[in-house]
Amino acid sequence: MQWKKARIGTFFFLAAILLAVAGCRPKPASLDISPSPRQGQRLTIVCPTAETMRLLQVHATPWALRQGIALDLHEYDPSHPKDGSGGKHFAEADAIVFSPADLPHGVVSGQLLPLPETYRTEDRSLAWNDLLPSLREQLLLWEGKPYALPLVGESPLCCYRSDWVQAPTHRDALQKAFGSAFDGPRTWEQFVRLAEYFHERGIDGRPGPSLPPLPKDDAELDRLFYTIAACYARRAVPAGEAHRADRENDLFAFHYDVETGLPRIASPGFVHALKLLQRMQACRPNGSAEHPQEAFQSGRAVLCLTDSPWLKRFQKTPALRDKVGVCPLPAGDRYYDFVTGKPQLKPEGNRVSYLGGAGWLMGVARSSPHPELAFQLIAELASPKTSTQIFLGAENVGGPTRADPLYRSRWDEFDLDDKREPRLREALQETLRCSNLKNPAICLRTPGQASHRTILVAALRKALSEAADAERTLQTVADAWKKRDEEQGMQVHRIDYRRSVGLLAK
C-alpha cells in the first residue's frame, strides 16, 4: 500500500514539475516582417515566340518571387514587332527578347538602353569575360557598347544515322567513296555526296528522300544558306596569322565589301553555296516543315543539320537510341579568293563558323518604368548558373552562351554514350569557341537587315523550287540590296556595315 502511495506521489511530483516548466517556457517572438520595397511592382516582357515565354516562366519566375514582383509576359510577331498580340505592350515594355540580328535596329530606333558599365566589371556575378567571344565582342555590342545580354545560345551540329552508314551493305562503298572509314561528313561536298548516295539507293532499299524538308521559317533558311556559304566566301584566317592592314576584307568582309560597301552576295563563294543547296534539294521531299528534324527522328532522313537539344529527342526515340553519329558542321573543300574570285582548294577543309543566325538576346527598353530592376532580371538570366540551366534544359533550340559549360566533364542531360558525348562537346567547342580561327562569319546585323533577308529568302526558295540559275538568282538579290542601300545612302550604309562587324566608321 505504501508502495502504491509512493508511485502516486511520484506521479504528481513529476506532473507538477512538467507544468511548471511549461508555464515558464517563453512565448514565441512575433516577427515583424516588413514587405519588400518592390512589393506590387510588375515587369512587362515582350517575347518573339511561345517557347521564349515558357522559358521565362520557368527561369525568371523564381527570381521574381524572391524580389516580390510580378511578371507580365506577352508574345509579339518578330517580323512585325509593333503589330499583333504583343504590339500594344511595346510602349510600356520593361524588357524585350529579340534575335541577335535585330540588336542594331533596336539601338538606332531608340528602343534599347545601354547595359550599365558595372555589369562588365570583373567583380560582378555576371562573369562577362566567360561569355562566348562572338557574344561579348560582337553580337551584344553596337559601336563598342553593350545593349543586351544573351538569353538563349546556339549549338549547330551535323547528325547522321551511324547504324545505316556502318551497315555492311553501305560501309565498303562509302569507304571507297570517301577514302577512309566514315565518321561523318568532313566537307559540304561529302555531305551532299552522302545524301545523293542514299537518295539513289533509298533508306529502305527504294530511291527516295535522304534529307529532311526545307525549314518553313525564313530565319532558319537564311541561317542554312549562310552556314554553307561562310566556308566558301571567306578564307579561314588562323588565329596566329599576323594582321595586315591591306587585307582587312579577308578578316571582316562577308555580306559586303567593308571598303566599298557593295554587296558580295553574288560572288563565287555564295554562288557555290547555292549550287550545293540545289543539289541537296534534289534529296529532300517536297514542301517545307516547321521542324525538319522530325523527318530524321522518324527515320525518313539519313542526315540532319540541327542544334544540340534535338539530340535529347533522338536519344529518347527507341529506334534512334545510340544510333546517331555526331560531328561538327562540315567545312568547305575550297574557298574563293576575295580579290580574284578563283577557287583555292583546301583538302583539309576551310572551316569558318557562322554565328548569330539563331538564339535570343534580351535588352531593357527605354520605355521601362523600372530599368534598374529590368537590368537585374536580364543579368540573372545570363548569369553562369541560370544560363547553364537554360542550355542543359533546352528541348528544341538553344546552346551555351558561355565557355564554361563547353568544358563540363559530364553532360548527363543528353544521355549519350561514352563515345558520342565527347564528340558533342568537341564539335561545339570547335564551332563556338573558334580558338584557332580569327574570323568567324557573323549574321547580317545592320539596322535595315530585315528587308535584305526578305529579299534573299524569297530568291532562295524560288531557286530551290524551280532549279533556277544560281548565279543569276544571286545577282538579282545583289541588285535589289544595292538599290535599298542607295535609298538609305551608300555612305551611311557602308558605315553601318563596318559598325556591324566591329570596325570603326571611316
Protein backbone atom coordinates (compact mmCIF):
# COMPACT_ATOMS: atom_id res chain seq x y z
CA MET A 1 0.00 0.00 0.00
CA GLN A 2 2.81 2.35 0.86
CA TRP A 3 4.41 1.38 -2.48
CA LYS A 4 1.23 2.42 -4.29
CA LYS A 5 1.16 5.74 -2.38
CA ALA A 6 4.81 6.31 -3.35
CA ARG A 7 4.00 5.73 -7.02
CA ILE A 8 1.08 8.13 -6.88
CA GLY A 9 3.17 10.73 -5.07
CA THR A 10 5.98 10.45 -7.60
CA PHE A 11 3.50 10.79 -10.46
CA PHE A 12 2.03 14.03 -9.07
CA PHE A 13 5.50 15.36 -8.30
CA LEU A 14 6.70 14.85 -11.89
CA ALA A 15 3.48 16.26 -13.26
CA ALA A 16 3.91 19.39 -11.16
CA ILE A 17 7.46 19.87 -12.48
CA LEU A 18 6.33 19.49 -16.10
CA LEU A 19 3.53 22.01 -15.60
CA ALA A 20 5.95 24.46 -14.04
CA VAL A 21 8.41 24.09 -16.90
CA ALA A 22 5.64 24.52 -19.43
CA GLY A 23 4.48 27.61 -17.66
CA CYS A 24 7.99 29.09 -17.75
CA ARG A 25 8.51 28.46 -21.48
CA PRO A 26 8.95 31.78 -23.28
CA LYS A 27 6.26 32.79 -25.73
CA PRO A 28 7.24 32.73 -29.41
CA ALA A 29 8.56 36.08 -30.53
CA SER A 30 6.41 37.82 -33.10
CA LEU A 31 8.47 38.58 -36.22
CA ASP A 32 7.89 41.96 -37.75
CA ILE A 33 8.42 41.10 -41.44
CA SER A 34 8.38 44.26 -43.49
CA PRO A 35 7.18 43.84 -47.08
CA SER A 36 9.70 44.05 -49.96
CA PRO A 37 10.10 47.63 -51.18
CA ARG A 38 9.29 46.21 -54.64
CA GLN A 39 6.10 44.50 -53.49
CA GLY A 40 3.39 45.08 -56.08
CA GLN A 41 5.77 46.17 -58.86
CA ARG A 42 5.44 44.50 -62.24
CA LEU A 43 7.86 43.92 -65.10
CA THR A 44 6.46 43.64 -68.61
CA ILE A 45 8.45 41.45 -71.01
CA VAL A 46 7.66 41.02 -74.70
CA CYS A 47 8.80 37.76 -76.35
CA PRO A 48 9.02 36.71 -80.01
CA THR A 49 7.85 33.11 -79.52
CA ALA A 50 5.72 30.99 -77.23
CA GLU A 51 8.85 28.98 -76.47
CA THR A 52 10.71 32.01 -75.09
CA MET A 53 7.65 32.81 -72.98
CA ARG A 54 7.71 29.32 -71.47
CA LEU A 55 11.44 29.61 -70.85
CA LEU A 56 10.94 32.85 -68.91
CA GLN A 57 8.08 31.35 -66.93
CA VAL A 58 10.44 28.61 -65.76
CA HIS A 59 13.65 30.56 -65.19
CA ALA A 60 12.51 34.13 -64.44
CA THR A 61 9.62 33.35 -62.08
CA PRO A 62 11.80 32.17 -59.14
CA TRP A 63 13.79 35.41 -59.30
CA ALA A 64 10.60 37.45 -59.46
CA LEU A 65 9.19 35.66 -56.40
CA ARG A 66 12.35 36.41 -54.44
CA GLN A 67 12.06 40.07 -55.40
CA GLY A 68 8.37 40.22 -54.55
CA ILE A 69 7.37 41.36 -58.02
CA ALA A 70 5.09 40.07 -60.77
CA LEU A 71 5.98 39.34 -64.40
CA ASP A 72 3.71 40.12 -67.36
CA LEU A 73 4.74 38.12 -70.44
CA HIS A 74 3.41 38.95 -73.90
CA GLU A 75 4.15 37.49 -77.32
CA TYR A 76 4.82 39.55 -80.45
CA ASP A 77 5.49 38.75 -84.10
CA PRO A 78 9.25 39.33 -84.63
CA SER A 79 8.66 40.22 -88.28
CA HIS A 80 6.18 42.95 -87.22
CA PRO A 81 7.06 43.80 -83.59
CA LYS A 82 4.71 46.75 -83.35
CA ASP A 83 1.70 44.79 -84.62
CA GLY A 84 -0.22 41.78 -83.37
CA SER A 85 -0.78 40.47 -79.86
CA GLY A 86 2.36 41.96 -78.35
CA GLY A 87 2.33 45.31 -80.12
CA LYS A 88 0.28 47.23 -77.56
CA HIS A 89 2.74 46.21 -74.83
CA PHE A 90 5.84 47.62 -76.56
CA ALA A 91 5.16 51.14 -75.36
CA GLU A 92 5.24 50.00 -71.72
CA ALA A 93 7.75 47.14 -72.01
CA ASP A 94 10.49 46.79 -69.43
CA ALA A 95 12.47 44.13 -71.32
CA ILE A 96 12.45 42.82 -74.88
CA VAL A 97 13.60 39.44 -76.25
CA PHE A 98 14.93 39.67 -79.82
CA SER A 99 17.30 37.99 -82.28
CA PRO A 100 21.00 38.95 -82.49
CA ALA A 101 20.42 40.39 -85.97
CA ASP A 102 17.84 42.84 -84.59
CA LEU A 103 20.01 44.49 -81.91
CA PRO A 104 21.33 47.35 -84.12
CA HIS A 105 17.80 48.27 -85.20
CA GLY A 106 16.74 48.36 -81.54
CA VAL A 107 19.62 50.69 -80.73
CA VAL A 108 19.27 53.02 -83.72
CA SER A 109 15.49 53.27 -83.30
CA GLY A 110 15.95 54.24 -79.65
CA GLN A 111 14.22 51.18 -78.19
CA LEU A 112 17.11 49.87 -76.08
CA LEU A 113 19.06 51.21 -73.11
CA PRO A 114 22.81 50.50 -72.96
CA LEU A 115 23.94 47.98 -70.39
CA PRO A 116 25.42 49.76 -67.32
CA GLU A 117 29.21 49.50 -67.37
CA THR A 118 29.23 47.93 -63.92
CA TYR A 119 27.85 44.69 -65.37
CA ARG A 120 31.06 44.17 -67.36
CA THR A 121 33.46 44.53 -64.43
CA GLU A 122 35.26 41.51 -63.04
CA ASP A 123 33.68 41.64 -59.59
CA ARG A 124 30.09 41.18 -60.81
CA SER A 125 28.35 37.82 -60.69
CA LEU A 126 27.58 38.14 -64.40
CA ALA A 127 31.15 36.99 -65.28
CA TRP A 128 31.26 38.98 -68.54
CA ASN A 129 34.60 37.55 -69.70
CA ASP A 130 33.24 34.00 -69.64
CA LEU A 131 30.66 34.82 -72.33
CA LEU A 132 31.47 33.27 -75.70
CA PRO A 133 33.70 35.51 -77.86
CA SER A 134 31.08 36.07 -80.57
CA LEU A 135 28.69 37.46 -77.94
CA ARG A 136 30.93 39.63 -75.80
CA GLU A 137 32.93 41.01 -78.75
CA GLN A 138 30.23 41.48 -81.40
CA LEU A 139 26.64 40.26 -81.06
CA LEU A 140 25.87 42.13 -77.80
CA LEU A 141 27.50 45.37 -78.97
CA TRP A 142 26.86 48.34 -81.18
CA GLU A 143 29.68 50.86 -81.62
CA GLY A 144 31.58 49.06 -78.88
CA LYS A 145 28.83 49.45 -76.27
CA PRO A 146 26.71 46.51 -74.99
CA TYR A 147 22.93 46.81 -75.26
CA ALA A 148 21.81 43.29 -74.37
CA LEU A 149 22.66 40.04 -72.62
CA PRO A 150 22.21 36.52 -74.03
CA LEU A 151 19.12 34.53 -73.12
CA VAL A 152 19.47 31.54 -75.49
CA GLY A 153 22.57 30.50 -77.42
CA GLU A 154 23.09 28.31 -80.47
CA SER A 155 24.74 24.92 -80.87
CA PRO A 156 24.81 23.86 -84.55
CA LEU A 157 25.69 20.23 -85.31
CA CYS A 158 25.63 17.66 -88.06
CA CYS A 159 23.90 14.38 -87.19
CA TYR A 160 23.78 11.21 -89.27
CA ARG A 161 22.46 7.67 -88.94
CA SER A 162 25.61 5.83 -87.88
CA ASP A 163 23.83 2.45 -88.00
CA TRP A 164 22.92 2.91 -91.67
CA VAL A 165 26.31 4.34 -92.65
CA GLN A 166 28.14 1.47 -90.94
CA ALA A 167 25.86 -1.29 -92.23
CA PRO A 168 27.78 -3.86 -94.34
CA THR A 169 25.71 -3.04 -97.42
CA HIS A 170 26.94 0.58 -97.35
CA ARG A 171 30.19 0.63 -95.34
CA ASP A 172 32.54 -0.60 -98.08
CA ALA A 173 31.00 1.63 -100.76
CA LEU A 174 31.27 4.71 -98.54
CA GLN A 175 34.83 3.90 -97.52
CA LYS A 176 35.73 3.63 -101.20
CA ALA A 177 33.95 6.89 -102.00
CA PHE A 178 35.49 8.89 -99.16
CA GLY A 179 38.84 7.14 -98.89
CA SER A 180 38.69 6.24 -95.19
CA ALA A 181 36.42 4.86 -92.50
CA PHE A 182 33.43 7.19 -92.45
CA ASP A 183 32.81 9.05 -89.18
CA GLY A 184 30.70 11.89 -90.51
CA PRO A 185 30.94 14.28 -93.49
CA ARG A 186 34.04 16.46 -93.16
CA THR A 187 33.19 18.80 -96.04
CA TRP A 188 29.94 20.04 -97.57
CA GLU A 189 30.83 18.15 -100.73
CA GLN A 190 30.93 14.92 -98.70
CA PHE A 191 27.63 15.88 -97.07
CA VAL A 192 25.96 16.26 -100.47
CA ARG A 193 27.52 13.09 -101.88
CA LEU A 194 26.33 11.08 -98.88
CA ALA A 195 22.82 12.49 -99.30
CA GLU A 196 22.88 11.65 -103.02
CA TYR A 197 24.17 8.11 -102.30
CA PHE A 198 21.24 7.30 -100.01
CA HIS A 199 18.78 9.17 -102.22
CA GLU A 200 19.68 6.91 -105.15
CA ARG A 201 19.66 3.67 -103.13
CA GLY A 202 16.98 4.61 -100.65
CA ILE A 203 16.92 4.24 -96.92
CA ASP A 204 14.64 1.24 -97.18
CA GLY A 205 16.03 -0.11 -100.45
CA ARG A 206 13.92 2.16 -102.67
CA PRO A 207 15.07 5.55 -104.03
CA GLY A 208 13.65 8.44 -102.05
CA PRO A 209 14.41 11.46 -99.86
CA SER A 210 17.52 11.22 -97.70
CA LEU A 211 17.41 14.75 -96.22
CA PRO A 212 14.72 16.50 -94.16
CA PRO A 213 12.50 19.07 -95.91
CA LEU A 214 13.48 22.71 -96.08
CA PRO A 215 12.69 24.77 -92.98
CA LYS A 216 9.47 26.76 -93.16
CA ASP A 217 10.93 29.53 -91.02
CA ASP A 218 12.69 32.20 -93.09
CA ALA A 219 15.32 32.80 -90.42
CA GLU A 220 16.26 29.11 -90.49
CA LEU A 221 16.62 29.02 -94.29
CA ASP A 222 18.68 32.20 -94.12
CA ARG A 223 20.90 30.55 -91.49
CA LEU A 224 21.26 27.34 -93.52
CA PHE A 225 22.43 29.21 -96.61
CA TYR A 226 24.96 31.36 -94.76
CA THR A 227 26.26 28.40 -92.75
CA ILE A 228 27.33 26.77 -96.02
CA ALA A 229 28.43 30.00 -97.72
CA ALA A 230 30.74 31.02 -94.86
CA CYS A 231 33.06 28.13 -95.72
CA TYR A 232 33.38 29.21 -99.38
CA ALA A 233 33.02 33.01 -99.38
CA ARG A 234 35.61 33.62 -96.63
CA ARG A 235 39.12 32.25 -96.12
CA ALA A 236 39.62 30.81 -92.64
CA VAL A 237 42.35 33.01 -91.14
CA PRO A 238 44.35 31.15 -88.45
CA ALA A 239 44.49 32.82 -85.04
CA GLY A 240 48.28 33.15 -85.23
CA GLU A 241 48.40 34.89 -88.63
CA ALA A 242 49.79 38.42 -88.48
CA HIS A 243 47.30 41.19 -89.17
CA ARG A 244 47.72 43.09 -92.42
CA ALA A 245 46.01 46.44 -92.84
CA ASP A 246 45.74 45.89 -96.60
CA ARG A 247 43.84 42.61 -96.12
CA GLU A 248 41.03 43.94 -93.94
CA ASN A 249 38.43 42.34 -96.19
CA ASP A 250 39.89 38.89 -95.51
CA LEU A 251 39.01 39.31 -91.85
CA PHE A 252 35.77 41.26 -91.97
CA ALA A 253 34.07 41.14 -95.37
CA PHE A 254 31.25 38.64 -95.77
CA HIS A 255 27.88 40.01 -96.87
CA TYR A 256 29.56 43.23 -98.06
CA ASP A 257 32.94 44.61 -99.02
CA VAL A 258 33.96 46.65 -95.94
CA GLU A 259 35.78 49.22 -98.09
CA THR A 260 33.24 49.90 -100.84
CA GLY A 261 30.03 48.82 -99.09
CA LEU A 262 28.98 46.85 -102.19
CA PRO A 263 27.18 43.51 -101.71
CA ARG A 264 29.16 40.28 -102.13
CA ILE A 265 26.08 38.04 -102.19
CA ALA A 266 26.58 37.25 -105.92
CA SER A 267 30.33 36.49 -105.58
CA PRO A 268 31.58 32.96 -106.40
CA GLY A 269 31.58 31.63 -102.82
CA PHE A 270 27.88 32.40 -102.34
CA VAL A 271 27.02 31.04 -105.81
CA HIS A 272 28.83 27.80 -104.97
CA ALA A 273 26.83 27.52 -101.72
CA LEU A 274 23.52 27.93 -103.57
CA LYS A 275 24.51 25.27 -106.08
CA LEU A 276 25.22 22.87 -103.21
CA LEU A 277 21.81 23.72 -101.71
CA GLN A 278 20.21 22.93 -105.06
CA ARG A 279 21.89 19.51 -105.10
CA MET A 280 20.62 18.94 -101.56
CA GLN A 281 17.14 19.99 -102.64
CA ALA A 282 17.00 17.07 -105.05
CA CYS A 283 17.41 14.81 -102.00
CA ARG A 284 14.59 16.42 -99.99
CA PRO A 285 10.84 15.78 -100.01
CA ASN A 286 8.63 18.48 -101.49
CA GLY A 287 7.44 21.33 -99.32
CA SER A 288 8.80 22.66 -96.06
CA ALA A 289 8.39 21.87 -92.37
CA GLU A 290 8.28 23.81 -89.13
CA HIS A 291 10.61 21.23 -87.56
CA PRO A 292 12.59 19.47 -90.33
CA GLN A 293 14.39 17.42 -87.65
CA GLU A 294 11.23 15.37 -87.18
CA ALA A 295 11.92 13.66 -90.52
CA PHE A 296 15.26 12.45 -89.17
CA GLN A 297 13.64 11.46 -85.87
CA SER A 298 11.05 9.31 -87.65
CA GLY A 299 13.62 7.53 -89.86
CA ARG A 300 12.91 9.46 -93.07
CA ALA A 301 16.37 11.05 -93.41
CA VAL A 302 19.96 9.91 -93.07
CA LEU A 303 21.47 13.35 -92.36
CA CYS A 304 20.28 16.28 -90.28
CA LEU A 305 21.63 19.75 -89.52
CA THR A 306 20.30 20.80 -86.15
CA ASP A 307 21.12 22.23 -82.71
CA SER A 308 22.23 20.02 -79.84
CA PRO A 309 18.95 19.96 -77.83
CA TRP A 310 17.41 17.77 -80.55
CA LEU A 311 19.90 15.04 -79.58
CA LYS A 312 17.84 14.54 -76.41
CA ARG A 313 14.78 13.80 -78.53
CA PHE A 314 16.71 11.49 -80.79
CA GLN A 315 18.05 9.52 -77.81
CA LYS A 316 14.54 9.19 -76.36
CA THR A 317 13.31 7.68 -79.63
CA PRO A 318 13.79 3.87 -79.32
CA ALA A 319 14.65 3.40 -83.00
CA LEU A 320 17.42 6.04 -82.75
CA ARG A 321 18.95 5.37 -79.36
CA ASP A 322 22.77 5.20 -79.70
CA LYS A 323 22.41 5.18 -83.49
CA VAL A 324 23.02 8.88 -84.19
CA GLY A 325 26.51 9.96 -85.19
CA VAL A 326 27.58 13.46 -84.14
CA CYS A 327 30.16 15.69 -85.82
CA PRO A 328 30.91 19.39 -86.37
CA LEU A 329 29.26 21.19 -89.25
CA PRO A 330 31.17 20.38 -92.45
CA ALA A 331 33.91 22.62 -93.84
CA GLY A 332 34.46 23.82 -97.39
CA ASP A 333 36.77 21.83 -99.63
CA ARG A 334 37.84 25.18 -101.09
CA TYR A 335 37.36 28.89 -100.68
CA TYR A 336 37.11 31.62 -103.32
CA ASP A 337 39.80 34.27 -103.19
CA PHE A 338 38.44 37.66 -102.23
CA VAL A 339 40.36 39.57 -104.91
CA THR A 340 40.44 37.18 -107.88
CA GLY A 341 37.32 35.12 -107.17
CA LYS A 342 39.25 31.98 -108.12
CA PRO A 343 38.83 28.76 -106.09
CA GLN A 344 41.64 27.80 -103.73
CA LEU A 345 41.45 24.11 -102.91
CA LYS A 346 41.66 23.14 -99.23
CA PRO A 347 41.58 19.32 -98.93
CA GLU A 348 41.95 19.58 -95.14
CA GLY A 349 38.88 21.81 -95.05
CA ASN A 350 38.21 25.56 -94.91
CA ARG A 351 36.12 25.72 -91.74
CA VAL A 352 34.51 29.09 -90.93
CA SER A 353 31.84 29.18 -88.22
CA TYR A 354 28.71 31.17 -88.98
CA LEU A 355 27.32 32.63 -85.74
CA GLY A 356 24.38 34.77 -84.67
CA GLY A 357 21.84 33.21 -87.02
CA ALA A 358 19.98 31.66 -84.07
CA GLY A 359 19.49 32.29 -80.37
CA TRP A 360 17.85 35.16 -78.46
CA LEU A 361 19.12 38.25 -76.69
CA MET A 362 17.39 40.27 -74.00
CA GLY A 363 17.59 44.03 -73.54
CA VAL A 364 15.98 46.72 -71.40
CA ALA A 365 13.56 49.09 -73.11
CA ARG A 366 13.90 52.85 -72.84
CA SER A 367 10.20 52.85 -72.04
CA SER A 368 10.80 50.83 -68.84
CA PRO A 369 9.46 52.42 -65.64
CA HIS A 370 11.86 50.14 -63.70
CA PRO A 371 15.10 49.94 -65.75
CA GLU A 372 17.34 49.05 -62.80
CA LEU A 373 15.10 46.12 -61.87
CA ALA A 374 14.89 45.02 -65.51
CA PHE A 375 18.69 45.01 -65.79
CA GLN A 376 18.88 42.86 -62.67
CA LEU A 377 16.49 40.38 -64.26
CA ILE A 378 18.40 40.02 -67.54
CA ALA A 379 21.69 39.72 -65.61
CA GLU A 380 20.18 36.92 -63.52
CA LEU A 381 19.08 35.05 -66.66
CA ALA A 382 22.53 35.49 -68.24
CA SER A 383 24.42 34.51 -65.08
CA PRO A 384 26.66 31.41 -65.16
CA LYS A 385 24.27 29.24 -63.15
CA THR A 386 20.99 30.18 -64.83
CA SER A 387 22.37 30.26 -68.38
CA THR A 388 23.78 26.75 -67.94
CA GLN A 389 20.41 25.54 -66.66
CA ILE A 390 18.71 27.11 -69.70
CA PHE A 391 21.11 25.37 -72.11
CA LEU A 392 21.07 21.94 -70.49
CA GLY A 393 17.29 22.05 -70.05
CA ALA A 394 16.51 23.06 -73.64
CA GLU A 395 14.42 20.63 -75.73
CA ASN A 396 14.23 22.24 -79.18
CA VAL A 397 16.65 25.08 -79.86
CA GLY A 398 19.41 26.67 -77.90
CA GLY A 399 23.00 26.36 -76.91
CA PRO A 400 25.54 27.59 -74.39
CA THR A 401 26.22 31.30 -74.07
CA ARG A 402 29.41 30.76 -72.06
CA ALA A 403 32.67 28.88 -72.37
CA ASP A 404 32.40 27.06 -69.05
CA PRO A 405 29.54 24.66 -69.99
CA LEU A 406 31.54 23.52 -73.03
CA TYR A 407 34.13 22.01 -70.70
CA ARG A 408 31.85 20.30 -68.21
CA SER A 409 33.07 16.78 -67.53
CA ARG A 410 29.56 15.31 -67.82
CA TRP A 411 26.54 16.19 -69.92
CA ASP A 412 24.13 13.69 -68.42
CA GLU A 413 21.12 15.61 -69.73
CA PHE A 414 21.91 14.36 -73.24
CA ASP A 415 22.04 10.70 -72.14
CA LEU A 416 24.75 9.89 -74.70
CA ASP A 417 27.21 7.01 -74.56
CA ASP A 418 30.92 7.41 -73.80
CA LYS A 419 31.76 7.84 -77.49
CA ARG A 420 29.12 10.34 -78.53
CA GLU A 421 29.24 12.67 -75.53
CA PRO A 422 32.89 13.74 -76.10
CA ARG A 423 32.14 14.14 -79.82
CA LEU A 424 29.30 16.51 -78.98
CA ARG A 425 31.45 18.64 -76.68
CA GLU A 426 34.34 18.75 -79.15
CA ALA A 427 32.05 19.70 -82.03
CA LEU A 428 30.54 22.60 -80.11
CA GLN A 429 33.90 23.75 -78.79
CA GLU A 430 35.24 23.92 -82.34
CA THR A 431 32.23 25.80 -83.69
CA LEU A 432 31.56 28.22 -80.82
CA ARG A 433 34.98 28.93 -79.31
CA CYS A 434 36.77 29.33 -82.66
CA SER A 435 40.04 29.08 -80.72
CA ASN A 436 42.15 28.73 -83.88
CA LEU A 437 40.01 30.95 -86.12
CA LYS A 438 40.46 34.68 -86.36
CA ASN A 439 37.43 35.49 -88.49
CA PRO A 440 34.17 33.57 -87.91
CA ALA A 441 31.31 34.93 -90.01
CA ILE A 442 28.61 36.85 -88.15
CA CYS A 443 24.98 37.26 -89.20
CA LEU A 444 23.99 40.36 -91.16
CA ARG A 445 23.15 42.83 -88.39
CA THR A 446 22.83 46.25 -89.96
CA PRO A 447 19.83 48.32 -88.76
CA GLY A 448 17.97 47.60 -92.01
CA GLN A 449 18.89 43.92 -92.41
CA ALA A 450 15.30 42.64 -92.17
CA SER A 451 14.38 43.79 -95.69
CA HIS A 452 17.59 42.29 -97.07
CA ARG A 453 16.73 38.93 -95.50
CA THR A 454 13.25 39.03 -97.02
CA ILE A 455 14.73 39.60 -100.50
CA LEU A 456 17.30 36.83 -100.11
CA VAL A 457 14.98 34.17 -98.68
CA ALA A 458 12.33 34.74 -101.37
CA ALA A 459 15.01 34.29 -104.04
CA LEU A 460 16.42 31.17 -102.37
CA ARG A 461 13.03 29.49 -102.16
CA LYS A 462 12.37 30.22 -105.84
CA ALA A 463 15.80 29.00 -106.91
CA LEU A 464 15.38 25.78 -104.93
CA SER A 465 11.83 25.03 -106.05
CA GLU A 466 12.39 25.91 -109.71
CA ALA A 467 16.09 24.95 -110.06
CA ALA A 468 16.80 28.46 -111.32
CA ASP A 469 20.31 29.53 -112.29
CA ALA A 470 22.25 30.17 -109.06
CA GLU A 471 24.46 32.98 -110.36
CA ARG A 472 21.57 34.86 -111.96
CA THR A 473 19.44 34.42 -108.84
CA LEU A 474 22.04 35.91 -106.51
CA GLN A 475 22.86 38.74 -108.93
CA THR A 476 19.19 39.72 -108.75
CA VAL A 477 19.48 39.71 -104.94
CA ALA A 478 22.65 41.83 -105.09
CA ASP A 479 20.92 44.38 -107.36
CA ALA A 480 17.94 44.60 -105.01
CA TRP A 481 20.21 45.00 -101.98
CA LYS A 482 22.20 47.74 -103.71
CA LYS A 483 19.01 49.60 -104.56
CA ARG A 484 17.91 49.51 -100.90
CA ASP A 485 21.36 50.64 -99.78
CA GLU A 486 21.35 53.55 -102.23
CA GLU A 487 17.94 54.63 -100.93
CA GLN A 488 19.44 54.75 -97.45
CA GLY A 489 22.59 56.47 -98.71
CA MET A 490 25.70 54.48 -99.58
CA GLN A 491 27.92 56.32 -97.11
CA VAL A 492 25.51 55.68 -94.23
CA HIS A 493 25.11 52.07 -95.29
CA ARG A 494 28.88 51.49 -95.54
CA ILE A 495 29.40 52.94 -92.06
CA ASP A 496 26.58 50.78 -90.68
CA TYR A 497 28.15 47.63 -92.12
CA ARG A 498 31.56 48.48 -90.70
CA ARG A 499 29.99 49.03 -87.30
CA SER A 500 28.11 45.74 -87.58
CA VAL A 501 31.36 43.76 -87.88
CA GLY A 502 33.11 45.70 -85.12
CA LEU A 503 35.09 48.19 -87.22
CA LEU A 504 35.33 51.94 -86.75
CA ALA A 505 33.39 54.10 -89.16
CA LYS A 506 35.59 55.87 -91.68
